[in-house]
PDB file of N, CA and C in Angstrom:
ATOM      1  N   UNK A   1       0.844  -1.174   0.000  1.00  0.00           N
ATOM      2  CA  UNK A   1       0.000   0.000   0.000  1.00  0.00           C
ATOM      3  C   UNK A   1       0.892   1.241   0.000  1.00  0.00           C
ATOM      4  N   UNK A   2       0.522   2.217  -0.832  1.00  0.00           N
ATOM      5  CA  UNK A   2       1.328   3.434  -0.881  1.00  0.00           C
ATOM      6  C   UNK A   2       0.740   4.487   0.060  1.00  0.00           C
ATOM      7  N   UNK A   3       1.548   5.466   0.392  1.00  0.00           N
ATOM      8  CA  UNK A   3       1.127   6.496   1.337  1.00  0.00           C
ATOM      9  C   UNK A   3       0.193   7.504   0.661  1.00  0.00           C
ATOM     10  N   UNK A   4      -0.483   8.301   1.487  1.00  0.00           N
ATOM     11  CA  UNK A   4      -1.351   9.351   0.966  1.00  0.00           C
ATOM     12  C   UNK A   4      -0.563  10.340   0.111  1.00  0.00           C
ATOM     13  N   UNK A   5       0.640  10.667   0.549  1.00  0.00           N
ATOM     14  CA  UNK A   5       1.482  11.595  -0.207  1.00  0.00           C
ATOM     15  C   UNK A   5       1.822  11.032  -1.576  1.00  0.00           C
ATOM     16  N   UNK A   6       2.155   9.748  -1.623  1.00  0.00           N
ATOM     17  CA  UNK A   6       2.471   9.119  -2.913  1.00  0.00           C
ATOM     18  C   UNK A   6       1.257   9.111  -3.847  1.00  0.00           C
ATOM     19  N   UNK A   7       0.071   8.885  -3.285  1.00  0.00           N
ATOM     20  CA  UNK A   7      -1.148   8.919  -4.095  1.00  0.00           C
ATOM     21  C   UNK A   7      -1.343  10.310  -4.676  1.00  0.00           C
ATOM     22  N   UNK A   8      -1.162  11.337  -3.852  1.00  0.00           N
ATOM     23  CA  UNK A   8      -1.313  12.718  -4.332  1.00  0.00           C
ATOM     24  C   UNK A   8      -0.314  13.028  -5.442  1.00  0.00           C
ATOM     25  N   UNK A   9       0.928  12.645  -5.239  1.00  0.00           N
ATOM     26  CA  UNK A   9       1.968  12.917  -6.234  1.00  0.00           C
ATOM     27  C   UNK A   9       1.644  12.197  -7.541  1.00  0.00           C
ATOM     28  N   UNK A  10       1.303  10.928  -7.461  1.00  0.00           N
ATOM     29  CA  UNK A  10       0.978  10.167  -8.669  1.00  0.00           C
ATOM     30  C   UNK A  10      -0.261  10.734  -9.362  1.00  0.00           C
ATOM     31  N   UNK A  11      -1.265  11.119  -8.577  1.00  0.00           N
ATOM     32  CA  UNK A  11      -2.485  11.690  -9.145  1.00  0.00           C
ATOM     33  C   UNK A  11      -2.204  12.968  -9.913  1.00  0.00           C
ATOM     34  N   UNK A  12      -1.419  13.849  -9.319  1.00  0.00           N
ATOM     35  CA  UNK A  12      -1.068  15.105  -9.989  1.00  0.00           C
ATOM     36  C   UNK A  12      -0.249  14.826 -11.255  1.00  0.00           C
ATOM     37  N   UNK A  13       0.662  13.893 -11.186  1.00  0.00           N
ATOM     38  CA  UNK A  13       1.461  13.546 -12.363  1.00  0.00           C
ATOM     39  C   UNK A  13       0.586  13.004 -13.495  1.00  0.00           C
ATOM     40  N   UNK A  14      -0.360  12.147 -13.154  1.00  0.00           N
ATOM     41  CA  UNK A  14      -1.256  11.576 -14.165  1.00  0.00           C
ATOM     42  C   UNK A  14      -2.125  12.666 -14.784  1.00  0.00           C
ATOM     43  N   UNK A  15      -2.690  13.513 -13.933  1.00  0.00           N
ATOM     44  CA  UNK A  15      -3.521  14.606 -14.451  1.00  0.00           C
ATOM     45  C   UNK A  15      -2.708  15.533 -15.352  1.00  0.00           C
ATOM     46  N   UNK A  16      -1.509  15.888 -14.922  1.00  0.00           N
ATOM     47  CA  UNK A  16      -0.665  16.782 -15.721  1.00  0.00           C
ATOM     48  C   UNK A  16      -0.300  16.142 -17.054  1.00  0.00           C
ATOM     49  N   UNK A  17      -0.006  14.866 -17.038  1.00  0.00           N
ATOM     50  CA  UNK A  17       0.360  14.160 -18.265  1.00  0.00           C
ATOM     51  C   UNK A  17      -0.796  14.135 -19.254  1.00  0.00           C
ATOM     52  N   UNK A  18      -1.991  13.858 -18.766  1.00  0.00           N
ATOM     53  CA  UNK A  18      -3.135  13.672 -19.653  1.00  0.00           C
ATOM     54  C   UNK A  18      -3.908  14.950 -19.944  1.00  0.00           C
ATOM     55  N   UNK A  19      -3.861  15.925 -19.033  1.00  0.00           N
ATOM     56  CA  UNK A  19      -4.615  17.157 -19.233  1.00  0.00           C
ATOM     57  C   UNK A  19      -3.730  18.366 -19.507  1.00  0.00           C
ATOM     58  N   UNK A  20      -2.491  18.293 -19.103  1.00  0.00           N
ATOM     59  CA  UNK A  20      -1.625  19.476 -19.152  1.00  0.00           C
ATOM     60  C   UNK A  20      -1.768  20.225 -17.836  1.00  0.00           C
ATOM     61  N   UNK A  21      -0.826  21.094 -17.551  1.00  0.00           N
ATOM     62  CA  UNK A  21      -0.797  21.772 -16.245  1.00  0.00           C
ATOM     63  C   UNK A  21      -1.998  22.673 -16.004  1.00  0.00           C
ATOM     64  N   UNK A  22      -2.405  23.439 -17.018  1.00  0.00           N
ATOM     65  CA  UNK A  22      -3.512  24.381 -16.829  1.00  0.00           C
ATOM     66  C   UNK A  22      -4.818  23.633 -16.562  1.00  0.00           C
ATOM     67  N   UNK A  23      -5.132  22.645 -17.408  1.00  0.00           N
ATOM     68  CA  UNK A  23      -6.366  21.904 -17.221  1.00  0.00           C
ATOM     69  C   UNK A  23      -6.338  21.069 -15.943  1.00  0.00           C
ATOM     70  N   UNK A  24      -5.165  20.596 -15.551  1.00  0.00           N
ATOM     71  CA  UNK A  24      -5.044  19.874 -14.288  1.00  0.00           C
ATOM     72  C   UNK A  24      -5.460  20.785 -13.135  1.00  0.00           C
ATOM     73  N   UNK A  25      -4.968  22.004 -13.133  1.00  0.00           N
ATOM     74  CA  UNK A  25      -5.313  22.945 -12.065  1.00  0.00           C
ATOM     75  C   UNK A  25      -6.794  23.301 -12.116  1.00  0.00           C
ATOM     76  N   UNK A  26      -7.354  23.433 -13.310  1.00  0.00           N
ATOM     77  CA  UNK A  26      -8.788  23.698 -13.439  1.00  0.00           C
ATOM     78  C   UNK A  26      -9.596  22.540 -12.864  1.00  0.00           C
ATOM     79  N   UNK A  27      -9.178  21.315 -13.179  1.00  0.00           N
ATOM     80  CA  UNK A  27      -9.873  20.131 -12.669  1.00  0.00           C
ATOM     81  C   UNK A  27      -9.854  20.118 -11.144  1.00  0.00           C
ATOM     82  N   UNK A  28      -8.705  20.358 -10.564  1.00  0.00           N
ATOM     83  CA  UNK A  28      -8.588  20.357  -9.103  1.00  0.00           C
ATOM     84  C   UNK A  28      -9.465  21.452  -8.502  1.00  0.00           C
ATOM     85  N   UNK A  29      -9.476  22.636  -9.125  1.00  0.00           N
ATOM     86  CA  UNK A  29     -10.318  23.735  -8.635  1.00  0.00           C
ATOM     87  C   UNK A  29     -11.798  23.364  -8.719  1.00  0.00           C
ATOM     88  N   UNK A  30     -12.201  22.712  -9.796  1.00  0.00           N
ATOM     89  CA  UNK A  30     -13.602  22.289  -9.941  1.00  0.00           C
ATOM     90  C   UNK A  30     -13.996  21.302  -8.845  1.00  0.00           C
ATOM     91  N   UNK A  31     -13.126  20.364  -8.559  1.00  0.00           N
ATOM     92  CA  UNK A  31     -13.399  19.362  -7.530  1.00  0.00           C
ATOM     93  C   UNK A  31     -13.521  20.016  -6.159  1.00  0.00           C
ATOM     94  N   UNK A  32     -12.668  20.974  -5.886  1.00  0.00           N
ATOM     95  CA  UNK A  32     -12.682  21.628  -4.581  1.00  0.00           C
ATOM     96  C   UNK A  32     -13.855  22.592  -4.438  1.00  0.00           C
ATOM     97  N   UNK A  33     -14.329  23.137  -5.538  1.00  0.00           N
ATOM     98  CA  UNK A  33     -15.356  24.174  -5.513  1.00  0.00           C
ATOM     99  C   UNK A  33     -16.754  23.617  -5.235  1.00  0.00           C
ATOM    100  N   UNK A  34     -17.034  22.416  -5.673  1.00  0.00           N
ATOM    101  CA  UNK A  34     -18.389  21.879  -5.524  1.00  0.00           C
ATOM    102  C   UNK A  34     -18.359  20.502  -4.877  1.00  0.00           C
ATOM    103  N   UNK A  35     -19.445  20.149  -4.204  1.00  0.00           N
ATOM    104  CA  UNK A  35     -19.510  18.804  -3.619  1.00  0.00           C
ATOM    105  C   UNK A  35     -19.409  17.762  -4.736  1.00  0.00           C
ATOM    106  N   UNK A  36     -18.673  16.728  -4.486  1.00  0.00           N
ATOM    107  CA  UNK A  36     -18.409  15.750  -5.534  1.00  0.00           C
ATOM    108  C   UNK A  36     -18.373  14.361  -4.935  1.00  0.00           C
ATOM    109  N   UNK A  37     -19.230  13.480  -5.410  1.00  0.00           N
ATOM    110  CA  UNK A  37     -19.244  12.095  -4.969  1.00  0.00           C
ATOM    111  C   UNK A  37     -18.700  11.245  -6.110  1.00  0.00           C
ATOM    112  N   UNK A  38     -17.426  10.904  -6.026  1.00  0.00           N
ATOM    113  CA  UNK A  38     -16.756  10.169  -7.100  1.00  0.00           C
ATOM    114  C   UNK A  38     -17.474   8.863  -7.407  1.00  0.00           C
ATOM    115  N   UNK A  39     -17.923   8.160  -6.374  1.00  0.00           N
ATOM    116  CA  UNK A  39     -18.556   6.860  -6.584  1.00  0.00           C
ATOM    117  C   UNK A  39     -19.822   6.999  -7.427  1.00  0.00           C
ATOM    118  N   UNK A  40     -20.694   7.945  -7.076  1.00  0.00           N
ATOM    119  CA  UNK A  40     -21.909   8.159  -7.856  1.00  0.00           C
ATOM    120  C   UNK A  40     -21.570   8.609  -9.274  1.00  0.00           C
ATOM    121  N   UNK A  41     -20.607   9.514  -9.406  1.00  0.00           N
ATOM    122  CA  UNK A  41     -20.200  10.002 -10.725  1.00  0.00           C
ATOM    123  C   UNK A  41     -19.694   8.851 -11.584  1.00  0.00           C
ATOM    124  N   UNK A  42     -18.856   8.027 -11.017  1.00  0.00           N
ATOM    125  CA  UNK A  42     -18.262   6.922 -11.771  1.00  0.00           C
ATOM    126  C   UNK A  42     -19.324   5.902 -12.175  1.00  0.00           C
ATOM    127  N   UNK A  43     -20.274   5.638 -11.298  1.00  0.00           N
ATOM    128  CA  UNK A  43     -21.349   4.704 -11.626  1.00  0.00           C
ATOM    129  C   UNK A  43     -22.177   5.223 -12.797  1.00  0.00           C
ATOM    130  N   UNK A  44     -22.495   6.498 -12.802  1.00  0.00           N
ATOM    131  CA  UNK A  44     -23.263   7.084 -13.904  1.00  0.00           C
ATOM    132  C   UNK A  44     -22.458   7.082 -15.188  1.00  0.00           C
ATOM    133  N   UNK A  45     -21.174   7.293 -15.081  1.00  0.00           N
ATOM    134  CA  UNK A  45     -20.305   7.357 -16.251  1.00  0.00           C
ATOM    135  C   UNK A  45     -20.363   6.056 -17.041  1.00  0.00           C
ATOM    136  N   UNK A  46     -20.378   4.932 -16.346  1.00  0.00           N
ATOM    137  CA  UNK A  46     -20.343   3.629 -17.011  1.00  0.00           C
ATOM    138  C   UNK A  46     -21.700   2.922 -17.007  1.00  0.00           C
ATOM    139  N   UNK A  47     -22.789   3.656 -16.702  1.00  0.00           N
ATOM    140  CA  UNK A  47     -24.113   3.054 -16.606  1.00  0.00           C
ATOM    141  C   UNK A  47     -24.511   2.275 -17.848  1.00  0.00           C
ATOM    142  N   UNK A  48     -24.239   2.823 -19.008  1.00  0.00           N
ATOM    143  CA  UNK A  48     -24.694   2.192 -20.240  1.00  0.00           C
ATOM    144  C   UNK A  48     -23.581   1.482 -20.998  1.00  0.00           C
ATOM    145  N   UNK A  49     -22.486   1.243 -20.319  1.00  0.00           N
ATOM    146  CA  UNK A  49     -21.363   0.564 -20.949  1.00  0.00           C
ATOM    147  C   UNK A  49     -21.368  -0.895 -20.494  1.00  0.00           C
ATOM    148  N   UNK A  50     -21.250  -1.796 -21.446  1.00  0.00           N
ATOM    149  CA  UNK A  50     -21.284  -3.219 -21.103  1.00  0.00           C
ATOM    150  C   UNK A  50     -19.991  -3.641 -20.401  1.00  0.00           C
ATOM    151  N   UNK A  51     -20.070  -4.741 -19.690  1.00  0.00           N
ATOM    152  CA  UNK A  51     -18.900  -5.306 -19.024  1.00  0.00           C
ATOM    153  C   UNK A  51     -17.824  -5.614 -20.057  1.00  0.00           C
ATOM    154  N   UNK A  52     -18.250  -6.098 -21.211  1.00  0.00           N
ATOM    155  CA  UNK A  52     -17.302  -6.417 -22.284  1.00  0.00           C
ATOM    156  C   UNK A  52     -16.533  -5.168 -22.726  1.00  0.00           C
ATOM    157  N   UNK A  53     -17.251  -4.038 -22.859  1.00  0.00           N
ATOM    158  CA  UNK A  53     -16.618  -2.786 -23.277  1.00  0.00           C
ATOM    159  C   UNK A  53     -15.677  -2.266 -22.192  1.00  0.00           C
ATOM    160  N   UNK A  54     -16.097  -2.357 -20.939  1.00  0.00           N
ATOM    161  CA  UNK A  54     -15.226  -1.931 -19.837  1.00  0.00           C
ATOM    162  C   UNK A  54     -13.948  -2.764 -19.847  1.00  0.00           C
ATOM    163  N   UNK A  55     -14.077  -4.070 -20.049  1.00  0.00           N
ATOM    164  CA  UNK A  55     -12.917  -4.954 -20.108  1.00  0.00           C
ATOM    165  C   UNK A  55     -12.014  -4.589 -21.279  1.00  0.00           C
ATOM    166  N   UNK A  56     -12.625  -4.322 -22.433  1.00  0.00           N
ATOM    167  CA  UNK A  56     -11.836  -3.952 -23.614  1.00  0.00           C
ATOM    168  C   UNK A  56     -11.044  -2.674 -23.353  1.00  0.00           C
ATOM    169  N   UNK A  57     -11.696  -1.683 -22.733  1.00  0.00           N
ATOM    170  CA  UNK A  57     -11.021  -0.421 -22.416  1.00  0.00           C
ATOM    171  C   UNK A  57      -9.872  -0.644 -21.430  1.00  0.00           C
ATOM    172  N   UNK A  58     -10.124  -1.463 -20.412  1.00  0.00           N
ATOM    173  CA  UNK A  58      -9.094  -1.742 -19.412  1.00  0.00           C
ATOM    174  C   UNK A  58      -7.895  -2.429 -20.048  1.00  0.00           C
ATOM    175  N   UNK A  59      -8.145  -3.400 -20.909  1.00  0.00           N
ATOM    176  CA  UNK A  59      -7.052  -4.103 -21.572  1.00  0.00           C
ATOM    177  C   UNK A  59      -6.281  -3.166 -22.496  1.00  0.00           C
ATOM    178  N   UNK A  60      -6.996  -2.270 -23.148  1.00  0.00           N
ATOM    179  CA  UNK A  60      -6.347  -1.296 -24.027  1.00  0.00           C
ATOM    180  C   UNK A  60      -5.417  -0.384 -23.210  1.00  0.00           C
ATOM    181  N   UNK A  61      -5.914   0.105 -22.078  1.00  0.00           N
ATOM    182  CA  UNK A  61      -5.083   0.950 -21.213  1.00  0.00           C
ATOM    183  C   UNK A  61      -3.888   0.170 -20.670  1.00  0.00           C
ATOM    184  N   UNK A  62      -4.122  -1.090 -20.322  1.00  0.00           N
ATOM    185  CA  UNK A  62      -3.034  -1.925 -19.798  1.00  0.00           C
ATOM    186  C   UNK A  62      -1.942  -2.083 -20.857  1.00  0.00           C
ATOM    187  N   UNK A  63      -2.352  -2.316 -22.095  1.00  0.00           N
ATOM    188  CA  UNK A  63      -1.374  -2.491 -23.179  1.00  0.00           C
ATOM    189  C   UNK A  63      -0.592  -1.217 -23.445  1.00  0.00           C
ATOM    190  N   UNK A  64      -1.248  -0.076 -23.311  1.00  0.00           N
ATOM    191  CA  UNK A  64      -0.570   1.209 -23.516  1.00  0.00           C
ATOM    192  C   UNK A  64       0.468   1.433 -22.430  1.00  0.00           C
ATOM    193  N   UNK A  65       0.162   1.040 -21.202  1.00  0.00           N
ATOM    194  CA  UNK A  65       1.024   1.326 -20.044  1.00  0.00           C
ATOM    195  C   UNK A  65       2.089   0.261 -19.797  1.00  0.00           C
ATOM    196  N   UNK A  66       2.165  -0.762 -20.653  1.00  0.00           N
ATOM    197  CA  UNK A  66       3.200  -1.793 -20.441  1.00  0.00           C
ATOM    198  C   UNK A  66       4.256  -1.702 -21.498  1.00  0.00           C
TER     199      UNK A  66
END
């Protein structure tokens, strides 16, 4: 298990890599500005996506990161 600090560092690095520094800061500001329930948001995000599609996406990401 990694520490809270390591999670924060990795999270910021991932956001910066995929969004760029400006959009990363905007994302963080948006999260801090309004109440946000990640679990509910994530459930709605994949509501209409099949298990097969979720698996395909996960495998695609895994292949990119290896």
